[in-house]
PDB file of all heavy atoms in Angstrom:
ATOM      1  N   ASP A   1       0.826  -1.216  -0.015  1.00  0.00           N
ATOM      2  CA  ASP A   1       0.015  -0.013   0.037  1.00  0.00           C
ATOM      3  C   ASP A   1       0.863   1.224   0.034  1.00  0.00           C
ATOM      4  O   ASP A   1       0.588   2.211  -0.753  1.00  0.00           O
ATOM      5  CB  ASP A   1      -0.914  -0.017   1.216  1.00  0.00           C
ATOM      6  CG  ASP A   1      -2.177   0.799   1.046  1.00  0.00           C
ATOM      7  OD1 ASP A   1      -2.534   1.118  -0.143  1.00  0.00           O
ATOM      8  OD2 ASP A   1      -2.813   1.209   2.047  1.00  0.00           O
ATOM      9  N   ILE A   2       1.925   1.288   0.779  1.00  0.00           N
ATOM     10  CA  ILE A   2       2.814   2.418   0.887  1.00  0.00           C
ATOM     11  C   ILE A   2       3.504   2.603  -0.404  1.00  0.00           C
ATOM     12  O   ILE A   2       3.681   3.683  -0.973  1.00  0.00           O
ATOM     13  CB  ILE A   2       3.755   2.247   2.068  1.00  0.00           C
ATOM     14  CG1 ILE A   2       3.065   2.415   3.378  1.00  0.00           C
ATOM     15  CG2 ILE A   2       4.930   3.265   1.970  1.00  0.00           C
ATOM     16  CD1 ILE A   2       3.858   2.110   4.629  1.00  0.00           C
ATOM     17  N   MET A   3       4.048   1.470  -0.992  1.00  0.00           N
ATOM     18  CA  MET A   3       4.821   1.566  -2.220  1.00  0.00           C
ATOM     19  C   MET A   3       4.001   2.001  -3.444  1.00  0.00           C
ATOM     20  O   MET A   3       4.443   2.582  -4.295  1.00  0.00           O
ATOM     21  CB  MET A   3       5.482   0.193  -2.528  1.00  0.00           C
ATOM     22  CG  MET A   3       6.592  -0.193  -1.645  1.00  0.00           C
ATOM     23  SD  MET A   3       7.344  -1.817  -2.086  1.00  0.00           S
ATOM     24  CE  MET A   3       8.731  -1.813  -1.048  1.00  0.00           C
ATOM     25  N   SER A   4       2.682   1.652  -3.324  1.00  0.00           N
ATOM     26  CA  SER A   4       1.748   2.016  -4.347  1.00  0.00           C
ATOM     27  C   SER A   4       1.335   3.471  -4.364  1.00  0.00           C
ATOM     28  O   SER A   4       0.882   4.043  -5.397  1.00  0.00           O
ATOM     29  CB  SER A   4       0.503   1.103  -4.310  1.00  0.00           C
ATOM     30  OG  SER A   4       0.853  -0.253  -4.481  1.00  0.00           O
ATOM     31  N   ASN A   5       1.401   4.111  -3.177  1.00  0.00           N
ATOM     32  CA  ASN A   5       0.766   5.383  -3.060  1.00  0.00           C
ATOM     33  C   ASN A   5       1.672   6.568  -2.663  1.00  0.00           C
ATOM     34  O   ASN A   5       1.287   7.735  -2.835  1.00  0.00           O
ATOM     35  CB  ASN A   5      -0.392   5.296  -2.037  1.00  0.00           C
ATOM     36  CG  ASN A   5      -1.552   4.515  -2.600  1.00  0.00           C
ATOM     37  OD1 ASN A   5      -2.323   4.927  -3.396  1.00  0.00           O
ATOM     38  ND2 ASN A   5      -1.630   3.217  -2.174  1.00  0.00           N
ATOM     39  N   ASP A   6       2.782   6.335  -2.066  1.00  0.00           N
ATOM     40  CA  ASP A   6       3.678   7.465  -1.614  1.00  0.00           C
ATOM     41  C   ASP A   6       4.042   8.276  -2.810  1.00  0.00           C
ATOM     42  O   ASP A   6       4.635   7.809  -3.820  1.00  0.00           O
ATOM     43  CB  ASP A   6       4.963   6.908  -0.964  1.00  0.00           C
ATOM     44  CG  ASP A   6       4.755   6.780   0.543  1.00  0.00           C
ATOM     45  OD1 ASP A   6       3.638   6.698   1.011  1.00  0.00           O
ATOM     46  OD2 ASP A   6       5.774   6.625   1.251  1.00  0.00           O
ATOM     47  N   VAL A   7       3.749   9.586  -2.727  1.00  0.00           N
ATOM     48  CA  VAL A   7       3.975  10.547  -3.932  1.00  0.00           C
ATOM     49  C   VAL A   7       5.493  10.758  -4.063  1.00  0.00           C
ATOM     50  O   VAL A   7       6.007  10.836  -5.164  1.00  0.00           O
ATOM     51  CB  VAL A   7       3.226  11.785  -3.721  1.00  0.00           C
ATOM     52  CG1 VAL A   7       3.554  12.847  -4.731  1.00  0.00           C
ATOM     53  CG2 VAL A   7       1.709  11.503  -3.734  1.00  0.00           C
ATOM     54  N   CYS A   8       6.159  10.975  -2.967  1.00  0.00           N
ATOM     55  CA  CYS A   8       7.583  11.340  -2.964  1.00  0.00           C
ATOM     56  C   CYS A   8       8.335  10.390  -2.018  1.00  0.00           C
ATOM     57  O   CYS A   8       7.965  10.208  -0.857  1.00  0.00           O
ATOM     58  CB  CYS A   8       7.797  12.768  -2.589  1.00  0.00           C
ATOM     59  SG  CYS A   8       9.481  13.355  -2.808  1.00  0.00           S
ATOM     60  N   VAL A   9       9.455   9.879  -2.475  1.00  0.00           N
ATOM     61  CA  VAL A   9      10.339   9.068  -1.643  1.00  0.00           C
ATOM     62  C   VAL A   9      11.778   9.637  -1.727  1.00  0.00           C
ATOM     63  O   VAL A   9      11.982  10.658  -2.378  1.00  0.00           O
ATOM     64  CB  VAL A   9      10.353   7.569  -2.142  1.00  0.00           C
ATOM     65  CG1 VAL A   9       8.917   6.966  -2.093  1.00  0.00           C
ATOM     66  CG2 VAL A   9      10.923   7.489  -3.580  1.00  0.00           C
ATOM     67  N   ALA A  10      12.714   9.061  -1.047  1.00  0.00           N
ATOM     68  CA  ALA A  10      14.040   9.484  -1.110  1.00  0.00           C
ATOM     69  C   ALA A  10      14.925   8.344  -1.611  1.00  0.00           C
ATOM     70  O   ALA A  10      14.786   7.152  -1.218  1.00  0.00           O
ATOM     71  CB  ALA A  10      14.550   9.870   0.261  1.00  0.00           C
ATOM     72  N   LEU A  11      15.754   8.620  -2.649  1.00  0.00           N
ATOM     73  CA  LEU A  11      16.716   7.712  -3.089  1.00  0.00           C
ATOM     74  C   LEU A  11      18.049   7.938  -2.434  1.00  0.00           C
ATOM     75  O   LEU A  11      18.588   9.107  -2.429  1.00  0.00           O
ATOM     76  CB  LEU A  11      16.904   7.907  -4.664  1.00  0.00           C
ATOM     77  CG  LEU A  11      18.094   7.187  -5.333  1.00  0.00           C
ATOM     78  CD1 LEU A  11      17.882   5.701  -5.251  1.00  0.00           C
ATOM     79  CD2 LEU A  11      18.254   7.616  -6.794  1.00  0.00           C
ATOM     80  N   ALA A  12      18.624   6.893  -1.807  1.00  0.00           N
ATOM     81  CA  ALA A  12      19.860   7.060  -1.079  1.00  0.00           C
ATOM     82  C   ALA A  12      20.893   6.231  -1.875  1.00  0.00           C
ATOM     83  O   ALA A  12      20.691   5.053  -2.111  1.00  0.00           O
ATOM     84  CB  ALA A  12      19.762   6.484   0.312  1.00  0.00           C
ATOM     85  N   TYR A  13      22.012   6.885  -2.213  1.00  0.00           N
ATOM     86  CA  TYR A  13      23.095   6.171  -2.870  1.00  0.00           C
ATOM     87  C   TYR A  13      24.381   6.574  -2.299  1.00  0.00           C
ATOM     88  O   TYR A  13      24.546   7.638  -1.588  1.00  0.00           O
ATOM     89  CB  TYR A  13      23.088   6.393  -4.387  1.00  0.00           C
ATOM     90  CG  TYR A  13      23.191   7.905  -4.837  1.00  0.00           C
ATOM     91  CD1 TYR A  13      24.398   8.469  -5.123  1.00  0.00           C
ATOM     92  CD2 TYR A  13      22.025   8.651  -4.968  1.00  0.00           C
ATOM     93  CE1 TYR A  13      24.514   9.779  -5.512  1.00  0.00           C
ATOM     94  CE2 TYR A  13      22.079   9.946  -5.393  1.00  0.00           C
ATOM     95  CZ  TYR A  13      23.331  10.530  -5.686  1.00  0.00           C
ATOM     96  OH  TYR A  13      23.456  11.810  -6.092  1.00  0.00           O
ATOM     97  N   ARG A  14      25.442   5.785  -2.490  1.00  0.00           N
ATOM     98  CA  ARG A  14      26.731   5.963  -1.849  1.00  0.00           C
ATOM     99  C   ARG A  14      27.664   6.942  -2.574  1.00  0.00           C
ATOM    100  O   ARG A  14      27.506   7.084  -3.794  1.00  0.00           O
ATOM    101  CB  ARG A  14      27.464   4.580  -1.736  1.00  0.00           C
ATOM    102  CG  ARG A  14      26.860   3.632  -0.774  1.00  0.00           C
ATOM    103  CD  ARG A  14      27.609   2.343  -0.738  1.00  0.00           C
ATOM    104  NE  ARG A  14      29.001   2.622  -0.512  1.00  0.00           N
ATOM    105  CZ  ARG A  14      29.741   1.931   0.401  1.00  0.00           C
ATOM    106  NH1 ARG A  14      29.245   1.020   1.161  1.00  0.00           N
ATOM    107  NH2 ARG A  14      31.057   2.289   0.542  1.00  0.00           N
ATOM    108  N   THR A  15      28.475   7.616  -1.852  1.00  0.00           N
ATOM    109  CA  THR A  15      29.506   8.431  -2.464  1.00  0.00           C
ATOM    110  C   THR A  15      30.815   7.652  -2.418  1.00  0.00           C
ATOM    111  O   THR A  15      30.980   6.635  -1.728  1.00  0.00           O
ATOM    112  CB  THR A  15      29.752   9.731  -1.608  1.00  0.00           C
ATOM    113  OG1 THR A  15      30.312   9.331  -0.376  1.00  0.00           O
ATOM    114  CG2 THR A  15      28.412  10.438  -1.425  1.00  0.00           C
ATOM    115  N   PRO A  16      31.791   8.071  -3.384  1.00  0.00           N
ATOM    116  CA  PRO A  16      33.133   7.344  -3.391  1.00  0.00           C
ATOM    117  C   PRO A  16      33.787   7.211  -2.029  1.00  0.00           C
ATOM    118  O   PRO A  16      34.532   6.321  -1.793  1.00  0.00           O
ATOM    119  CB  PRO A  16      33.919   8.143  -4.451  1.00  0.00           C
ATOM    120  CG  PRO A  16      32.836   8.748  -5.244  1.00  0.00           C
ATOM    121  CD  PRO A  16      31.752   9.094  -4.387  1.00  0.00           C
ATOM    122  N   ALA A  17      33.584   8.236  -1.173  1.00  0.00           N
ATOM    123  CA  ALA A  17      34.262   8.266   0.121  1.00  0.00           C
ATOM    124  C   ALA A  17      33.579   7.425   1.197  1.00  0.00           C
ATOM    125  O   ALA A  17      33.965   7.435   2.340  1.00  0.00           O
ATOM    126  CB  ALA A  17      34.374   9.740   0.575  1.00  0.00           C
ATOM    127  N   GLY A  18      32.365   6.795   0.830  1.00  0.00           N
ATOM    128  CA  GLY A  18      31.695   6.003   1.808  1.00  0.00           C
ATOM    129  C   GLY A  18      30.555   6.746   2.538  1.00  0.00           C
ATOM    130  O   GLY A  18      30.038   6.226   3.504  1.00  0.00           O
ATOM    131  N   GLY A  19      30.190   7.917   2.051  1.00  0.00           N
ATOM    132  CA  GLY A  19      29.080   8.588   2.576  1.00  0.00           C
ATOM    133  C   GLY A  19      27.816   8.311   1.821  1.00  0.00           C
ATOM    134  O   GLY A  19      27.708   7.357   1.045  1.00  0.00           O
ATOM    135  N   VAL A  20      26.716   9.070   2.084  1.00  0.00           N
ATOM    136  CA  VAL A  20      25.386   8.830   1.466  1.00  0.00           C
ATOM    137  C   VAL A  20      24.860  10.217   0.965  1.00  0.00           C
ATOM    138  O   VAL A  20      24.966  11.205   1.654  1.00  0.00           O
ATOM    139  CB  VAL A  20      24.465   8.192   2.450  1.00  0.00           C
ATOM    140  CG1 VAL A  20      23.066   8.198   1.951  1.00  0.00           C
ATOM    141  CG2 VAL A  20      24.912   6.781   2.724  1.00  0.00           C
ATOM    142  N   VAL A  21      24.246  10.113  -0.218  1.00  0.00           N
ATOM    143  CA  VAL A  21      23.432  11.240  -0.749  1.00  0.00           C
ATOM    144  C   VAL A  21      21.966  10.847  -0.720  1.00  0.00           C
ATOM    145  O   VAL A  21      21.656   9.729  -1.189  1.00  0.00           O
ATOM    146  CB  VAL A  21      23.838  11.629  -2.133  1.00  0.00           C
ATOM    147  CG1 VAL A  21      22.958  12.710  -2.735  1.00  0.00           C
ATOM    148  CG2 VAL A  21      25.268  12.144  -2.196  1.00  0.00           C
ATOM    149  N   LEU A  22      21.129  11.672  -0.217  1.00  0.00           N
ATOM    150  CA  LEU A  22      19.688  11.453  -0.172  1.00  0.00           C
ATOM    151  C   LEU A  22      19.066  12.466  -1.024  1.00  0.00           C
ATOM    152  O   LEU A  22      19.231  13.725  -0.899  1.00  0.00           O
ATOM    153  CB  LEU A  22      19.114  11.583   1.261  1.00  0.00           C
ATOM    154  CG  LEU A  22      19.443  10.528   2.255  1.00  0.00           C
ATOM    155  CD1 LEU A  22      19.276  11.022   3.621  1.00  0.00           C
ATOM    156  CD2 LEU A  22      18.585   9.287   2.060  1.00  0.00           C
ATOM    157  N   THR A  23      18.283  12.057  -2.059  1.00  0.00           N
ATOM    158  CA  THR A  23      17.587  12.978  -2.948  1.00  0.00           C
ATOM    159  C   THR A  23      16.187  12.619  -3.185  1.00  0.00           C
ATOM    160  O   THR A  23      15.894  11.431  -3.236  1.00  0.00           O
ATOM    161  CB  THR A  23      18.364  13.048  -4.261  1.00  0.00           C
ATOM    162  OG1 THR A  23      17.863  14.052  -5.143  1.00  0.00           O
ATOM    163  CG2 THR A  23      18.372  11.709  -5.027  1.00  0.00           C
ATOM    164  N   PRO A  24      15.276  13.573  -3.215  1.00  0.00           N
ATOM    165  CA  PRO A  24      13.818  13.230  -3.418  1.00  0.00           C
ATOM    166  C   PRO A  24      13.523  12.788  -4.830  1.00  0.00           C
ATOM    167  O   PRO A  24      13.957  13.437  -5.818  1.00  0.00           O
ATOM    168  CB  PRO A  24      13.134  14.511  -3.004  1.00  0.00           C
ATOM    169  CG  PRO A  24      14.081  15.602  -3.298  1.00  0.00           C
ATOM    170  CD  PRO A  24      15.451  15.019  -3.050  1.00  0.00           C
ATOM    171  N   VAL A  25      12.788  11.759  -5.042  1.00  0.00           N
ATOM    172  CA  VAL A  25      12.303  11.267  -6.340  1.00  0.00           C
ATOM    173  C   VAL A  25      10.891  10.720  -6.167  1.00  0.00           C
ATOM    174  O   VAL A  25      10.367  10.704  -5.016  1.00  0.00           O
ATOM    175  CB  VAL A  25      13.259  10.120  -6.816  1.00  0.00           C
ATOM    176  CG1 VAL A  25      14.641  10.613  -7.063  1.00  0.00           C
ATOM    177  CG2 VAL A  25      13.223   8.918  -5.880  1.00  0.00           C
ATOM    178  N   THR A  26      10.303  10.308  -7.236  1.00  0.00           N
ATOM    179  CA  THR A  26       9.005   9.569  -7.163  1.00  0.00           C
ATOM    180  C   THR A  26       9.143   8.251  -7.916  1.00  0.00           C
ATOM    181  O   THR A  26       9.858   8.117  -8.890  1.00  0.00           O
ATOM    182  CB  THR A  26       7.857  10.413  -7.833  1.00  0.00           C
ATOM    183  OG1 THR A  26       6.621   9.619  -7.716  1.00  0.00           O
ATOM    184  CG2 THR A  26       8.151  10.708  -9.304  1.00  0.00           C
ATOM    185  N   THR A  27       8.520   7.278  -7.339  1.00  0.00           N
ATOM    186  CA  THR A  27       8.513   5.909  -7.953  1.00  0.00           C
ATOM    187  C   THR A  27       7.312   5.811  -8.910  1.00  0.00           C
ATOM    188  O   THR A  27       7.315   4.799  -9.635  1.00  0.00           O
ATOM    189  CB  THR A  27       8.334   4.818  -6.891  1.00  0.00           C
ATOM    190  OG1 THR A  27       6.999   4.920  -6.318  1.00  0.00           O
ATOM    191  CG2 THR A  27       9.367   4.925  -5.792  1.00  0.00           C
ATOM    192  N   VAL A  28       6.438   6.730  -8.953  1.00  0.00           N
ATOM    193  CA  VAL A  28       5.157   6.687  -9.731  1.00  0.00           C
ATOM    194  C   VAL A  28       4.520   5.323  -9.455  1.00  0.00           C
ATOM    195  O   VAL A  28       3.864   4.738 -10.218  1.00  0.00           O
ATOM    196  CB  VAL A  28       5.486   6.893 -11.261  1.00  0.00           C
ATOM    197  CG1 VAL A  28       4.164   7.200 -11.987  1.00  0.00           C
ATOM    198  CG2 VAL A  28       6.504   7.882 -11.531  1.00  0.00           C
ATOM    199  N   GLY A  29       4.698   4.837  -8.195  1.00  0.00           N
ATOM    200  CA  GLY A  29       4.089   3.630  -7.727  1.00  0.00           C
ATOM    201  C   GLY A  29       4.569   2.361  -8.416  1.00  0.00           C
ATOM    202  O   GLY A  29       3.974   1.237  -8.273  1.00  0.00           O
ATOM    203  N   MET A  30       5.718   2.423  -9.101  1.00  0.00           N
ATOM    204  CA  MET A  30       6.228   1.226  -9.815  1.00  0.00           C
ATOM    205  C   MET A  30       6.941   0.283  -8.859  1.00  0.00           C
ATOM    206  O   MET A  30       7.994   0.654  -8.271  1.00  0.00           O
ATOM    207  CB  MET A  30       7.135   1.668 -10.939  1.00  0.00           C
ATOM    208  CG  MET A  30       6.418   2.363 -12.078  1.00  0.00           C
ATOM    209  SD  MET A  30       7.438   2.697 -13.579  1.00  0.00           S
ATOM    210  CE  MET A  30       8.589   3.861 -12.928  1.00  0.00           C
ATOM    211  N   HIS A  31       6.457  -0.852  -8.679  1.00  0.00           N
ATOM    212  CA  HIS A  31       7.047  -1.953  -7.912  1.00  0.00           C
ATOM    213  C   HIS A  31       6.473  -3.343  -8.342  1.00  0.00           C
ATOM    214  O   HIS A  31       5.395  -3.370  -8.937  1.00  0.00           O
ATOM    215  CB  HIS A  31       6.814  -1.732  -6.369  1.00  0.00           C
ATOM    216  CG  HIS A  31       5.333  -1.812  -5.978  1.00  0.00           C
ATOM    217  ND1 HIS A  31       4.444  -0.852  -6.247  1.00  0.00           N
ATOM    218  CD2 HIS A  31       4.664  -2.771  -5.399  1.00  0.00           C
ATOM    219  CE1 HIS A  31       3.262  -1.208  -5.873  1.00  0.00           C
ATOM    220  NE2 HIS A  31       3.345  -2.430  -5.279  1.00  0.00           N
ATOM    221  N   ASP A  32       7.216  -4.363  -8.020  1.00  0.00           N
ATOM    222  CA  ASP A  32       6.770  -5.715  -8.401  1.00  0.00           C
ATOM    223  C   ASP A  32       7.077  -6.649  -7.270  1.00  0.00           C
ATOM    224  O   ASP A  32       8.255  -7.164  -7.045  1.00  0.00           O
ATOM    225  CB  ASP A  32       7.557  -6.128  -9.650  1.00  0.00           C
ATOM    226  CG  ASP A  32       7.057  -7.453 -10.225  1.00  0.00           C
ATOM    227  OD1 ASP A  32       6.410  -8.229  -9.480  1.00  0.00           O
ATOM    228  OD2 ASP A  32       7.328  -7.763 -11.464  1.00  0.00           O
ATOM    229  N   PRO A  33       6.118  -6.916  -6.421  1.00  0.00           N
ATOM    230  CA  PRO A  33       6.375  -7.847  -5.276  1.00  0.00           C
ATOM    231  C   PRO A  33       6.837  -9.218  -5.679  1.00  0.00           C
ATOM    232  O   PRO A  33       7.623  -9.775  -5.049  1.00  0.00           O
ATOM    233  CB  PRO A  33       4.997  -7.807  -4.542  1.00  0.00           C
ATOM    234  CG  PRO A  33       4.282  -6.608  -5.009  1.00  0.00           C
ATOM    235  CD  PRO A  33       4.755  -6.352  -6.419  1.00  0.00           C
ATOM    236  N   ALA A  34       6.265  -9.710  -6.786  1.00  0.00           N
ATOM    237  CA  ALA A  34       6.710 -11.028  -7.225  1.00  0.00           C
ATOM    238  C   ALA A  34       8.122 -11.090  -7.573  1.00  0.00           C
ATOM    239  O   ALA A  34       8.834 -12.094  -7.317  1.00  0.00           O
ATOM    240  CB  ALA A  34       5.826 -11.519  -8.437  1.00  0.00           C
ATOM    241  N   ALA A  35       8.619 -10.087  -8.241  1.00  0.00           N
ATOM    242  CA  ALA A  35      10.016 -10.053  -8.672  1.00  0.00           C
ATOM    243  C   ALA A  35      10.933  -9.411  -7.575  1.00  0.00           C
ATOM    244  O   ALA A  35      12.155  -9.548  -7.602  1.00  0.00           O
ATOM    245  CB  ALA A  35      10.218  -9.195  -9.899  1.00  0.00           C
ATOM    246  N   GLY A  36      10.297  -8.768  -6.523  1.00  0.00           N
ATOM    247  CA  GLY A  36      11.065  -8.162  -5.496  1.00  0.00           C
ATOM    248  C   GLY A  36      11.819  -6.957  -5.909  1.00  0.00           C
ATOM    249  O   GLY A  36      12.937  -6.677  -5.545  1.00  0.00           O
ATOM    250  N   THR A  37      11.158  -6.138  -6.761  1.00  0.00           N
ATOM    251  CA  THR A  37      11.837  -4.932  -7.293  1.00  0.00           C
ATOM    252  C   THR A  37      10.993  -3.698  -7.069  1.00  0.00           C
ATOM    253  O   THR A  37       9.703  -3.736  -6.968  1.00  0.00           O
ATOM    254  CB  THR A  37      12.084  -5.049  -8.827  1.00  0.00           C
ATOM    255  OG1 THR A  37      10.811  -5.200  -9.507  1.00  0.00           O
ATOM    256  CG2 THR A  37      12.958  -6.274  -9.166  1.00  0.00           C
ATOM    257  N   VAL A  38      11.708  -2.549  -6.988  1.00  0.00           N
ATOM    258  CA  VAL A  38      11.087  -1.226  -6.983  1.00  0.00           C
ATOM    259  C   VAL A  38      11.812  -0.453  -8.089  1.00  0.00           C
ATOM    260  O   VAL A  38      12.974  -0.600  -8.363  1.00  0.00           O
ATOM    261  CB  VAL A  38      11.259  -0.513  -5.659  1.00  0.00           C
ATOM    262  CG1 VAL A  38      10.863   0.925  -5.704  1.00  0.00           C
ATOM    263  CG2 VAL A  38      10.610  -1.285  -4.517  1.00  0.00           C
TER     264      VAL A  38
END
Protein backbone atom coordinates (compact mmCIF):
# COMPACT_ATOMS: atom_id res chain seq x y z
CA ASP A 1 0.00 0.00 0.00
CA ILE A 2 2.80 2.42 0.89
CA MET A 3 4.83 1.54 -2.21
CA SER A 4 1.75 2.02 -4.39
CA ASN A 5 0.77 5.43 -3.05
CA ASP A 6 3.69 7.44 -1.64
CA VAL A 7 3.99 10.49 -3.89
CA CYS A 8 7.59 11.32 -2.97
CA VAL A 9 10.34 9.04 -1.65
CA ALA A 10 14.06 9.47 -1.09
CA LEU A 11 16.74 7.72 -3.14
CA ALA A 12 19.87 7.03 -1.10
CA TYR A 13 23.11 6.17 -2.89
CA ARG A 14 26.74 5.96 -1.85
CA THR A 15 29.53 8.44 -2.44
CA PRO A 16 33.06 7.31 -3.38
CA ALA A 17 34.25 8.26 0.12
CA GLY A 18 31.68 6.01 1.80
CA GLY A 19 29.07 8.64 2.58
CA VAL A 20 25.46 8.85 1.45
CA VAL A 21 23.46 11.25 -0.72
CA LEU A 22 19.68 11.46 -0.17
CA THR A 23 17.63 13.00 -2.96
CA PRO A 24 13.84 13.21 -3.40
CA VAL A 25 12.31 11.26 -6.31
CA THR A 26 9.01 9.60 -7.19
CA THR A 27 8.51 5.93 -7.95
CA VAL A 28 5.18 6.66 -9.74
CA GLY A 29 4.06 3.60 -7.76
CA MET A 30 6.24 1.23 -9.79
CA HIS A 31 7.05 -1.96 -7.87
CA ASP A 32 6.79 -5.70 -8.43
CA PRO A 33 6.36 -7.80 -5.26
CA ALA A 34 6.67 -11.06 -7.22
CA ALA A 35 10.03 -10.02 -8.66
CA GLY A 36 11.07 -8.18 -5.49
CA THR A 37 11.82 -4.94 -7.32
CA VAL A 38 11.09 -1.23 -7.02
